[in-house]
Amino acid sequence: MVTYEEIAEYAFMAFVVIAVIAGLAVGYMAYDARAKVPAAWENPDVADINGYVMLVMLILGVIVGLVSITAKEVRPFLIATIALMIAGTANVWGPLGKVHEALDYLATGVLNYIVAFAAPAAVILAIKSIWELARKK
């Protein structure tokens, strides 16, 4: 019999796979659009798709934050999310563009969507943690 925890684990992994696939797809779209617009992520076609995918990742992140992460997993999840958010703002993928231009776009897309998925879950878990701390006093 499948338990609730197993379902939550499979859902989380499925959401991560969705983020990776979407990041690769939209990253490739941005790479392909770079000839038309210097800031490829601002190309109207790419920006529209990017917005919709970000919305889906946000909704999936809320779902994970509400139902998937257990109490013992909160601290590691929050630390991992902080690391992802720092990596997302550090522009560490620039050297990949020296190997092949598409790698920078693909890695940026994947990281952006994983962060967009993890950040809402982290906010919800942080609020839950603060609530528990305040309730104990």
Protein backbone atom coordinates (compact mmCIF):
# COMPACT_ATOMS: atom_id res chain seq x y z
CA MET A 1 0.00 0.00 0.00
CA VAL A 2 1.30 3.43 -0.93
CA THR A 3 1.60 5.83 2.01
CA TYR A 4 0.96 9.56 2.06
CA GLU A 5 4.70 10.19 2.49
CA GLU A 6 5.51 8.15 -0.62
CA ILE A 7 2.93 10.05 -2.65
CA ALA A 8 4.39 13.36 -1.44
CA GLU A 9 7.90 12.15 -2.29
CA TYR A 10 6.88 11.09 -5.81
CA ALA A 11 5.03 14.37 -6.32
CA PHE A 12 8.07 16.36 -5.25
CA MET A 13 10.33 14.43 -7.61
CA ALA A 14 7.82 14.83 -10.45
CA PHE A 15 7.71 18.58 -9.84
CA VAL A 16 11.51 18.78 -9.95
CA VAL A 17 11.51 16.85 -13.24
CA ILE A 18 8.88 19.26 -14.60
CA ALA A 19 11.09 22.20 -13.58
CA VAL A 20 14.14 20.69 -15.29
CA ILE A 21 12.28 19.85 -18.51
CA ALA A 22 10.62 23.28 -18.62
CA GLY A 23 13.97 24.95 -17.93
CA LEU A 24 15.61 23.09 -20.79
CA ALA A 25 12.73 23.87 -23.16
CA VAL A 26 12.43 27.57 -22.35
CA GLY A 27 16.21 27.93 -22.09
CA TYR A 28 16.49 26.57 -25.61
CA MET A 29 13.77 28.99 -26.75
CA ALA A 30 15.77 31.87 -25.26
CA TYR A 31 18.96 30.60 -26.92
CA ASP A 32 17.13 30.39 -30.23
CA ALA A 33 15.66 33.89 -29.80
CA ARG A 34 18.98 35.57 -29.02
CA ALA A 35 19.51 36.42 -32.71
CA LYS A 36 16.27 38.43 -32.79
CA VAL A 37 16.60 40.24 -29.45
CA PRO A 38 19.90 40.79 -27.65
CA ALA A 39 18.23 40.13 -24.28
CA ALA A 40 16.74 36.79 -25.34
CA TRP A 41 14.78 36.25 -22.10
CA GLU A 42 12.93 39.51 -22.89
CA ASN A 43 11.79 38.33 -26.31
CA PRO A 44 7.97 38.57 -26.20
CA ASP A 45 7.48 34.90 -27.08
CA VAL A 46 10.02 33.69 -24.52
CA ALA A 47 8.79 36.14 -21.86
CA ASP A 48 5.19 34.93 -22.21
CA ILE A 49 6.12 31.26 -21.92
CA ASN A 50 8.54 32.07 -19.09
CA GLY A 51 5.74 33.83 -17.19
CA TYR A 52 3.35 30.92 -17.54
CA VAL A 53 5.97 28.37 -16.50
CA MET A 54 6.93 30.54 -13.50
CA LEU A 55 3.26 30.64 -12.46
CA VAL A 56 3.00 26.85 -12.69
CA MET A 57 6.23 26.45 -10.68
CA LEU A 58 4.90 28.84 -8.04
CA ILE A 59 1.67 26.85 -7.71
CA LEU A 60 3.59 23.56 -7.49
CA GLY A 61 5.87 25.10 -4.86
CA VAL A 62 2.89 26.15 -2.77
CA ILE A 63 1.53 22.61 -2.98
CA VAL A 64 4.87 21.18 -1.83
CA GLY A 65 5.15 23.70 0.98
CA LEU A 66 1.71 22.86 2.26
CA VAL A 67 1.70 19.07 2.05
CA SER A 68 5.02 17.50 1.18
CA ILE A 69 7.79 18.54 3.58
CA THR A 70 7.80 16.92 7.02
CA ALA A 71 8.93 18.63 10.24
CA LYS A 72 12.34 16.93 10.23
CA GLU A 73 12.96 18.00 6.62
CA VAL A 74 12.25 21.71 7.15
CA ARG A 75 15.76 22.84 8.12
CA PRO A 76 17.61 21.00 5.30
CA PHE A 77 14.99 22.16 2.78
CA LEU A 78 15.32 25.80 3.86
CA ILE A 79 19.13 25.63 3.73
CA ALA A 80 19.04 24.04 0.27
CA THR A 81 16.58 26.67 -0.94
CA ILE A 82 18.83 29.46 0.33
CA ALA A 83 21.76 27.91 -1.54
CA LEU A 84 19.68 27.65 -4.72
CA MET A 85 18.55 31.27 -4.46
CA ILE A 86 22.12 32.48 -3.97
CA ALA A 87 23.31 30.42 -6.94
CA GLY A 88 20.44 31.82 -9.00
CA THR A 89 21.49 35.41 -8.35
CA ALA A 90 25.25 34.82 -8.65
CA ASN A 91 25.24 34.32 -12.44
CA VAL A 92 27.58 31.36 -12.10
CA TRP A 93 26.65 29.98 -15.50
CA GLY A 94 28.53 32.57 -17.55
CA PRO A 95 31.59 30.34 -18.12
CA LEU A 96 29.32 27.63 -19.56
CA GLY A 97 28.64 30.01 -22.42
CA LYS A 98 32.32 29.77 -23.34
CA VAL A 99 31.94 26.02 -23.90
CA HIS A 100 28.74 26.41 -25.91
CA GLU A 101 26.38 29.38 -25.96
CA ALA A 102 23.32 27.22 -25.39
CA LEU A 103 24.61 25.81 -22.09
CA ASP A 104 24.32 29.17 -20.37
CA TYR A 105 20.67 29.52 -21.43
CA LEU A 106 19.79 25.92 -20.54
CA ALA A 107 21.40 26.07 -17.09
CA THR A 108 19.82 29.45 -16.36
CA GLY A 109 16.38 28.15 -17.33
CA VAL A 110 16.68 25.03 -15.18
CA LEU A 111 17.97 26.93 -12.15
CA ASN A 112 15.35 29.67 -12.49
CA TYR A 113 12.50 27.16 -12.49
CA ILE A 114 13.85 25.08 -9.65
CA VAL A 115 14.20 28.27 -7.58
CA ALA A 116 10.70 29.37 -8.64
CA PHE A 117 9.46 26.00 -7.43
CA ALA A 118 11.43 25.90 -4.16
CA ALA A 119 11.05 29.52 -3.04
CA PRO A 120 7.27 29.49 -2.36
CA ALA A 121 7.64 26.19 -0.49
CA ALA A 122 10.45 27.72 1.58
CA VAL A 123 8.35 30.77 2.42
CA ILE A 124 5.47 28.59 3.57
CA LEU A 125 7.80 26.39 5.64
CA ALA A 126 9.50 29.41 7.17
CA ILE A 127 6.13 30.86 8.18
CA LYS A 128 5.12 27.48 9.65
CA SER A 129 8.41 27.35 11.59
CA ILE A 130 7.98 30.87 12.94
CA TRP A 131 4.40 30.04 13.91
CA GLU A 132 5.57 26.94 15.82
CA LEU A 133 8.31 28.90 17.58
CA ALA A 134 5.90 31.66 18.57
CA ARG A 135 3.29 29.18 19.74
CA LYS A 136 5.72 27.44 22.10
CA LYS A 137 6.42 30.59 24.13
